Amino acid sequence: MRAKTQKTVTLIVIMVFFLSAYSATANISDEPVTVSNINETSGVISVVTTLSIIADWTAQIGDTLFSPVSVVTGSEDPHTYTLTTSEILMIEDADLFVRLGLPGIEPWVETILNANPSLNVLTLASEDMMEIDPVSGLLNAHVWMSPIIAKNFVSNITDSIISLDFENREQYETNRDNYLSELDGLIFDIEDYYFNRTNGLKVVVHHPSFFYLLNMLGVERVRIIEEHEGSEPSAQHIQEIVETMIEQNVTTIVTQPQIEESLVIQIARDTNSKLAKLSPMLRDDVDDNYIQLIRDDINALLSPEDIEDNQWIMESLAIGSGFLVTCILLIVYLRFRGEIFKFKKKIKEPKNNRE
């Protein structure tokens, strides 16, 4: 009886073993196993980017599924930006932090990366993407201004998003393909329609931001006004620019809304030139996007503006205001001095009476 019981127990153990092995095998699937980072509260992934242009690319991929947030907007300078406490917390809580990653563009990023070594970071660019700017002799980091390079960034962003939310892979890939098709249309227009209108144009630029875009358009940059990032050019450098523009009959200066215009306006006056106001960053306009930005920049290049000749009015107002303030101060001084004189005279009168 005991032997029979032992056989029964042994048989049960063997059956349990085979059933467990079968169950484990049945759970194996051809689909890759991914770890979902979807926010348990909102049900969507949280993506933060350094620049608004990167946020726009990411938004095209995440259309209807999530909305990325950009730290720097179009009205701010990414070179000198300072993070707020709320922005630091936002980045630390993100499922994905996307940056460009080239020297000098987002210097503030290194601080938060050093403080958060486990942060999930996607770096889009590398130094081997950059080309040497023949005018400055330096590597140019403004690679996002080339729609051709932007296509690579869009593909890389898509891959990282899919790794976070594999369940929506097909939708992300569809969004990517649709957007890449739009970028191809933009590139075709640049190389065909716009190139025929801009090829051979000579310009002076305030900042080297538009190197890649102007190269695609066949535009020659003869000089750069800003010698070094964030510093005023020397008087000698400005004089050389004016002489070069006059010698080569350059009548267009490429500037941008994010910089001070007074120096540019003075050079334009000295050379009888017009201003083409291009932007390397998305404007604060809610409807602005990367493709529209590039088209608007090209149209601004084709239709440069006359300098606003009302600066003399502002200067006159400043001089007039200064003169008015001086007159008021002089009147107050004279009146105050007169009151003092009268007061002293009254003090002396009793002495004269006693005499």
Protein backbone atom coordinates (compact mmCIF):
# COMPACT_ATOMS: atom_id res chain seq x y z
CA MET A 1 0.00 0.00 0.00
CA ARG A 2 2.83 2.33 0.89
CA ALA A 3 4.63 1.55 -2.41
CA LYS A 4 1.46 2.33 -4.36
CA THR A 5 1.09 5.65 -2.56
CA GLN A 6 4.70 6.58 -3.34
CA LYS A 7 4.19 5.80 -7.05
CA THR A 8 1.10 8.01 -7.11
CA VAL A 9 2.96 10.92 -5.52
CA THR A 10 5.86 10.49 -7.95
CA LEU A 11 3.46 10.49 -10.90
CA ILE A 12 1.79 13.70 -9.66
CA VAL A 13 5.17 15.43 -9.28
CA ILE A 14 6.19 14.46 -12.84
CA MET A 15 2.88 15.75 -14.23
CA VAL A 16 3.26 19.06 -12.40
CA PHE A 17 6.81 19.42 -13.76
CA PHE A 18 5.75 18.88 -17.38
CA LEU A 19 2.77 21.21 -17.04
CA SER A 20 5.02 23.96 -15.65
CA ALA A 21 7.52 23.52 -18.50
CA TYR A 22 4.72 23.67 -21.09
CA SER A 23 3.29 26.81 -19.51
CA ALA A 24 6.66 28.58 -19.60
CA THR A 25 7.17 27.59 -23.25
CA ALA A 26 3.71 28.79 -24.22
CA ASN A 27 4.47 32.27 -22.86
CA ILE A 28 7.38 32.74 -25.27
CA SER A 29 6.38 35.06 -28.16
CA ASP A 30 8.02 36.29 -31.33
CA GLU A 31 7.29 39.89 -30.23
CA PRO A 32 10.14 41.59 -28.36
CA VAL A 33 9.61 42.08 -24.67
CA THR A 34 9.63 45.79 -23.82
CA VAL A 35 9.41 47.62 -20.56
CA SER A 36 6.67 50.20 -20.69
CA ASN A 37 7.52 53.62 -19.27
CA ILE A 38 4.03 55.01 -19.73
CA ASN A 39 3.02 57.28 -16.89
CA GLU A 40 0.60 55.34 -14.67
CA THR A 41 -1.40 58.47 -13.85
CA SER A 42 -1.82 60.10 -17.26
CA GLY A 43 -1.50 57.01 -19.41
CA VAL A 44 1.00 58.68 -21.78
CA ILE A 45 4.75 58.97 -21.97
CA SER A 46 6.47 62.16 -20.81
CA VAL A 47 9.00 63.64 -23.25
CA VAL A 48 10.99 66.83 -22.60
CA THR A 49 13.25 68.46 -25.19
CA THR A 50 15.87 71.19 -24.98
CA LEU A 51 14.77 73.18 -28.05
CA SER A 52 11.35 73.99 -29.46
CA ILE A 53 12.34 72.67 -32.89
CA ILE A 54 13.13 69.27 -31.38
CA ALA A 55 9.78 69.41 -29.59
CA ASP A 56 8.07 70.05 -32.92
CA TRP A 57 9.70 67.00 -34.53
CA THR A 58 8.72 64.91 -31.53
CA ALA A 59 5.15 66.22 -31.61
CA GLN A 60 4.83 65.15 -35.26
CA ILE A 61 5.74 61.60 -34.21
CA GLY A 62 3.55 61.54 -31.10
CA ASP A 63 0.53 63.11 -32.79
CA THR A 64 -2.65 62.16 -30.82
CA LEU A 65 -0.60 59.98 -28.44
CA PHE A 66 1.47 62.44 -26.37
CA SER A 67 2.62 66.07 -26.37
CA PRO A 68 6.30 66.88 -25.71
CA VAL A 69 7.44 69.94 -23.75
CA SER A 70 10.36 72.19 -24.71
CA VAL A 71 12.56 73.92 -22.14
CA VAL A 72 13.75 76.72 -24.43
CA THR A 73 11.21 78.61 -26.54
CA GLY A 74 11.77 80.82 -29.56
CA SER A 75 12.13 84.04 -27.60
CA GLU A 76 15.07 82.78 -25.52
CA ASP A 77 18.73 82.23 -26.29
CA PRO A 78 19.66 78.53 -25.83
CA HIS A 79 23.34 79.47 -25.46
CA THR A 80 22.77 81.41 -22.24
CA TYR A 81 19.60 79.84 -20.84
CA THR A 82 19.25 79.23 -17.10
CA LEU A 83 17.03 76.41 -15.84
CA THR A 84 14.33 77.10 -13.28
CA THR A 85 13.63 74.74 -10.39
CA SER A 86 10.36 73.59 -11.95
CA GLU A 87 12.13 72.84 -15.24
CA ILE A 88 14.77 70.77 -13.46
CA LEU A 89 12.06 68.70 -11.79
CA MET A 90 10.22 68.34 -15.10
CA ILE A 91 13.34 66.96 -16.79
CA GLU A 92 14.10 64.61 -13.91
CA ASP A 93 10.57 63.16 -14.08
CA ALA A 94 10.58 62.71 -17.86
CA ASP A 95 10.53 59.28 -19.49
CA LEU A 96 12.78 60.69 -22.21
CA PHE A 97 14.93 63.83 -22.42
CA VAL A 98 15.94 64.79 -25.98
CA ARG A 99 18.81 67.17 -26.66
CA LEU A 100 20.82 68.23 -29.68
CA GLY A 101 24.13 67.61 -27.93
CA LEU A 102 26.57 69.81 -29.84
CA PRO A 103 29.13 72.10 -28.14
CA GLY A 104 27.89 75.54 -27.16
CA ILE A 105 24.24 75.12 -28.17
CA GLU A 106 22.83 73.86 -24.84
CA PRO A 107 25.63 74.34 -22.27
CA TRP A 108 23.14 74.28 -19.39
CA VAL A 109 22.29 70.65 -20.11
CA GLU A 110 25.54 69.27 -18.69
CA THR A 111 24.65 70.37 -15.17
CA ILE A 112 21.43 68.39 -15.06
CA LEU A 113 22.99 65.35 -16.74
CA ASN A 114 25.77 65.25 -14.15
CA ALA A 115 23.19 65.45 -11.36
CA ASN A 116 20.99 62.70 -12.93
CA PRO A 117 23.23 59.97 -14.38
CA SER A 118 20.27 57.56 -14.74
CA LEU A 119 18.21 59.99 -16.83
CA ASN A 120 16.99 58.50 -20.13
CA VAL A 121 18.67 60.83 -22.66
CA LEU A 122 18.58 60.85 -26.45
CA THR A 123 21.43 62.84 -28.02
CA LEU A 124 20.56 63.59 -31.63
CA ALA A 125 23.73 65.07 -33.11
CA SER A 126 27.43 64.31 -33.10
CA GLU A 127 30.44 66.36 -34.10
CA ASP A 128 31.03 64.35 -37.26
CA MET A 129 27.76 65.80 -38.60
CA MET A 130 29.19 69.31 -38.50
CA GLU A 131 30.95 70.98 -41.41
CA ILE A 132 33.71 73.58 -41.27
CA ASP A 133 32.35 77.03 -41.95
CA PRO A 134 34.72 78.56 -44.53
CA VAL A 135 33.93 82.11 -43.39
CA SER A 136 34.68 81.54 -39.70
CA GLY A 137 37.04 78.61 -40.13
CA LEU A 138 35.20 76.73 -37.34
CA LEU A 139 32.86 73.77 -37.17
CA ASN A 140 29.28 74.98 -37.46
CA ALA A 141 26.88 73.46 -34.90
CA HIS A 142 23.58 74.72 -36.36
CA VAL A 143 22.89 71.44 -38.15
CA TRP A 144 19.14 71.53 -37.47
CA MET A 145 18.75 74.22 -40.14
CA SER A 146 19.26 71.53 -42.79
CA PRO A 147 16.02 69.60 -43.48
CA ILE A 148 18.17 66.75 -44.80
CA ILE A 149 19.86 66.32 -41.42
CA ALA A 150 16.52 66.87 -39.68
CA LYS A 151 15.22 63.68 -41.32
CA ASN A 152 17.85 61.64 -39.45
CA PHE A 153 16.85 63.28 -36.19
CA VAL A 154 13.17 62.45 -36.77
CA SER A 155 13.99 58.78 -37.39
CA ASN A 156 16.14 58.54 -34.25
CA ILE A 157 13.43 60.18 -32.13
CA THR A 158 10.90 57.69 -33.46
CA ASP A 159 13.07 54.72 -32.49
CA SER A 160 13.43 56.01 -28.93
CA ILE A 161 9.70 56.67 -28.61
CA ILE A 162 8.86 53.16 -29.81
CA SER A 163 11.23 51.66 -27.22
CA LEU A 164 9.15 53.42 -24.56
CA ASP A 165 5.70 52.64 -25.97
CA PHE A 166 5.94 49.57 -28.20
CA GLU A 167 2.19 49.00 -28.19
CA ASN A 168 1.72 52.07 -30.39
CA ARG A 169 4.60 51.26 -32.72
CA GLU A 170 2.52 51.21 -35.90
CA GLN A 171 1.02 54.63 -35.21
CA TYR A 172 4.43 56.13 -34.47
CA GLU A 173 5.87 54.67 -37.66
CA THR A 174 2.96 55.99 -39.70
CA ASN A 175 3.38 59.46 -38.19
CA ARG A 176 7.11 59.33 -38.91
CA ASP A 177 6.64 58.28 -42.54
CA ASN A 178 4.06 61.01 -43.14
CA TYR A 179 6.32 63.67 -41.67
CA LEU A 180 9.40 62.46 -43.56
CA SER A 181 7.33 62.76 -46.73
CA GLU A 182 6.58 66.40 -45.85
CA LEU A 183 10.28 67.05 -45.26
CA ASP A 184 11.06 65.50 -48.65
CA GLY A 185 8.62 67.94 -50.21
CA LEU A 186 10.38 70.84 -48.48
CA ILE A 187 13.81 69.61 -49.64
CA PHE A 188 12.54 69.29 -53.22
CA ASP A 189 11.24 72.87 -53.16
CA ILE A 190 14.56 74.15 -51.79
CA GLU A 191 16.69 72.33 -54.35
CA ASP A 192 14.41 73.11 -57.28
CA TYR A 193 12.14 76.15 -56.96
CA TYR A 194 13.94 78.23 -54.32
CA PHE A 195 17.47 77.42 -55.50
CA ASN A 196 16.77 78.93 -58.91
CA ARG A 197 15.88 82.22 -57.19
CA THR A 198 18.66 82.37 -54.58
CA ASN A 199 21.67 80.78 -56.25
CA GLY A 200 24.55 83.25 -56.46
CA LEU A 201 23.13 85.71 -53.95
CA LYS A 202 25.77 87.30 -51.69
CA VAL A 203 24.94 88.26 -48.10
CA VAL A 204 26.52 89.30 -44.83
CA VAL A 205 25.16 87.46 -41.79
CA HIS A 206 25.07 88.63 -38.21
CA HIS A 207 25.32 85.10 -36.79
CA PRO A 208 26.43 81.79 -38.41
CA SER A 209 23.07 80.12 -37.64
CA PHE A 210 21.99 79.77 -41.28
CA PHE A 211 25.12 78.17 -42.71
CA TYR A 212 23.48 74.87 -43.73
CA LEU A 213 20.28 76.36 -45.09
CA LEU A 214 22.08 79.04 -47.12
CA ASN A 215 24.39 76.39 -48.56
CA MET A 216 21.39 74.42 -49.81
CA LEU A 217 20.09 77.62 -51.41
CA GLY A 218 23.40 78.43 -53.12
CA VAL A 219 23.79 81.66 -51.12
CA GLU A 220 27.32 82.95 -50.50
CA ARG A 221 28.09 84.50 -47.11
CA VAL A 222 30.93 86.94 -47.54
CA ARG A 223 31.32 87.99 -43.88
CA ILE A 224 29.98 87.31 -40.36
CA ILE A 225 29.32 90.33 -38.14
CA GLU A 226 29.55 88.47 -34.82
CA GLU A 227 33.21 87.53 -34.40
CA HIS A 228 32.70 85.52 -31.22
CA GLU A 229 29.56 84.17 -29.56
CA GLY A 230 27.98 86.73 -27.28
CA SER A 231 30.60 89.47 -27.77
CA GLU A 232 30.47 92.74 -29.68
CA PRO A 233 32.62 92.94 -32.83
CA SER A 234 35.52 95.37 -32.89
CA ALA A 235 35.36 98.69 -34.73
CA GLN A 236 38.02 97.43 -37.13
CA HIS A 237 35.96 94.31 -37.91
CA ILE A 238 32.88 96.41 -38.63
CA GLN A 239 34.87 98.69 -40.92
CA GLU A 240 36.19 95.68 -42.83
CA ILE A 241 32.64 94.38 -43.27
CA VAL A 242 31.46 97.72 -44.64
CA GLU A 243 34.38 97.84 -47.08
CA THR A 244 33.76 94.27 -48.23
CA MET A 245 30.06 94.93 -48.81
CA ILE A 246 30.81 98.03 -50.88
CA GLU A 247 33.53 96.28 -52.91
CA GLN A 248 31.39 93.19 -53.67
CA ASN A 249 28.11 95.09 -54.02
CA VAL A 250 26.45 93.16 -51.18
CA THR A 251 23.09 94.73 -50.34
CA THR A 252 21.53 92.16 -47.97
CA ILE A 253 22.30 91.58 -44.30
CA VAL A 254 20.84 88.45 -42.73
CA THR A 255 19.83 89.06 -39.14
CA GLN A 256 17.37 87.50 -36.71
CA PRO A 257 14.67 88.70 -34.28
CA GLN A 258 16.50 87.32 -31.22
CA ILE A 259 19.39 89.79 -31.43
CA GLU A 260 19.90 93.52 -30.92
CA GLU A 261 19.51 95.39 -34.21
CA SER A 262 21.24 98.72 -33.57
CA LEU A 263 24.64 97.62 -34.90
CA VAL A 264 23.10 95.85 -37.89
CA ILE A 265 21.02 98.91 -38.74
CA GLN A 266 24.10 101.12 -38.64
CA ILE A 267 25.97 98.82 -41.05
CA ALA A 268 22.93 98.71 -43.32
CA ARG A 269 22.82 102.51 -43.40
CA ASP A 270 26.52 102.77 -44.18
CA THR A 271 26.15 100.32 -47.08
CA ASN A 272 22.64 101.22 -48.27
CA SER A 273 21.55 97.61 -47.60
CA LYS A 274 18.34 95.82 -46.66
CA LEU A 275 17.66 93.41 -43.79
CA ALA A 276 16.52 89.81 -44.22
CA LYS A 277 15.15 88.71 -40.85
CA LEU A 278 15.48 84.95 -40.51
CA SER A 279 14.99 82.87 -37.37
CA PRO A 280 16.94 79.74 -36.36
CA MET A 281 14.36 78.92 -33.68
CA LEU A 282 10.60 78.54 -33.65
CA ARG A 283 8.81 81.78 -32.94
CA ASP A 284 6.42 82.10 -30.00
CA ASP A 285 3.59 81.81 -32.50
CA VAL A 286 1.39 78.86 -31.44
CA ASP A 287 0.96 77.77 -35.08
CA ASP A 288 4.67 77.82 -35.88
CA ASN A 289 6.44 74.61 -36.89
CA TYR A 290 9.77 73.58 -38.39
CA ILE A 291 8.69 73.29 -42.02
CA GLN A 292 6.87 76.62 -41.92
CA LEU A 293 9.90 78.19 -40.24
CA ILE A 294 12.22 77.13 -43.06
CA ARG A 295 9.80 78.39 -45.71
CA ASP A 296 9.36 81.71 -43.90
CA ASP A 297 13.14 82.11 -43.59
CA ILE A 298 13.58 81.57 -47.33
CA ASN A 299 10.81 84.03 -48.15
CA ALA A 300 12.40 86.59 -45.81
CA LEU A 301 15.68 86.12 -47.66
CA LEU A 302 13.93 86.71 -50.99
CA SER A 303 12.14 89.83 -49.71
CA PRO A 304 14.57 91.78 -47.50
CA GLU A 305 13.17 94.82 -45.73
CA ASP A 306 14.28 98.43 -45.87
CA ILE A 307 15.73 99.56 -42.58
CA GLU A 308 13.29 101.42 -40.40
CA ASP A 309 14.20 105.03 -40.98
CA ASN A 310 12.46 106.19 -37.83
CA GLN A 311 15.49 105.70 -35.62
CA TRP A 312 16.21 109.42 -35.95
CA ILE A 313 12.82 110.04 -34.33
CA MET A 314 13.79 107.90 -31.35
CA GLU A 315 17.14 109.64 -31.12
CA SER A 316 15.43 113.04 -31.30
CA LEU A 317 12.99 112.00 -28.60
CA ALA A 318 15.85 110.86 -26.42
CA ILE A 319 17.71 114.14 -26.91
CA GLY A 320 14.52 116.14 -26.38
CA SER A 321 13.69 114.21 -23.23
CA GLY A 322 17.17 114.78 -21.90
CA PHE A 323 16.96 118.50 -22.65
CA LEU A 324 13.53 118.70 -20.97
CA VAL A 325 14.77 116.95 -17.84
CA THR A 326 17.79 119.26 -17.73
CA CYS A 327 15.54 122.33 -17.99
CA ILE A 328 13.27 121.06 -15.21
CA LEU A 329 16.23 120.37 -12.94
CA LEU A 330 17.65 123.82 -13.71
CA ILE A 331 14.32 125.51 -12.89
CA VAL A 332 14.03 123.57 -9.65
CA TYR A 333 17.58 124.47 -8.77
CA LEU A 334 17.10 128.16 -9.49
CA ARG A 335 13.81 128.24 -7.59
CA PHE A 336 15.32 126.44 -4.65
CA ARG A 337 18.32 128.75 -4.75
CA GLY A 338 15.98 131.78 -4.82
CA GLU A 339 14.08 130.52 -1.80
CA ILE A 340 17.33 130.09 0.09
CA PHE A 341 18.38 133.62 -0.87
CA LYS A 342 15.05 135.04 0.41
CA PHE A 343 15.34 133.04 3.62
CA LYS A 344 18.82 134.36 4.29
CA LYS A 345 17.66 137.91 3.59
CA LYS A 346 14.85 137.59 6.16
CA ILE A 347 17.34 136.39 8.76
CA LYS A 348 19.54 139.43 8.21
CA GLU A 349 16.65 141.97 8.47
CA PRO A 350 16.30 141.89 12.32
CA LYS A 351 19.97 142.67 12.67
CA ASN A 352 19.51 145.79 10.52
CA ASN A 353 16.53 146.88 12.69
CA ARG A 354 18.55 146.63 15.87
CA GLU A 355 21.17 148.87 14.39
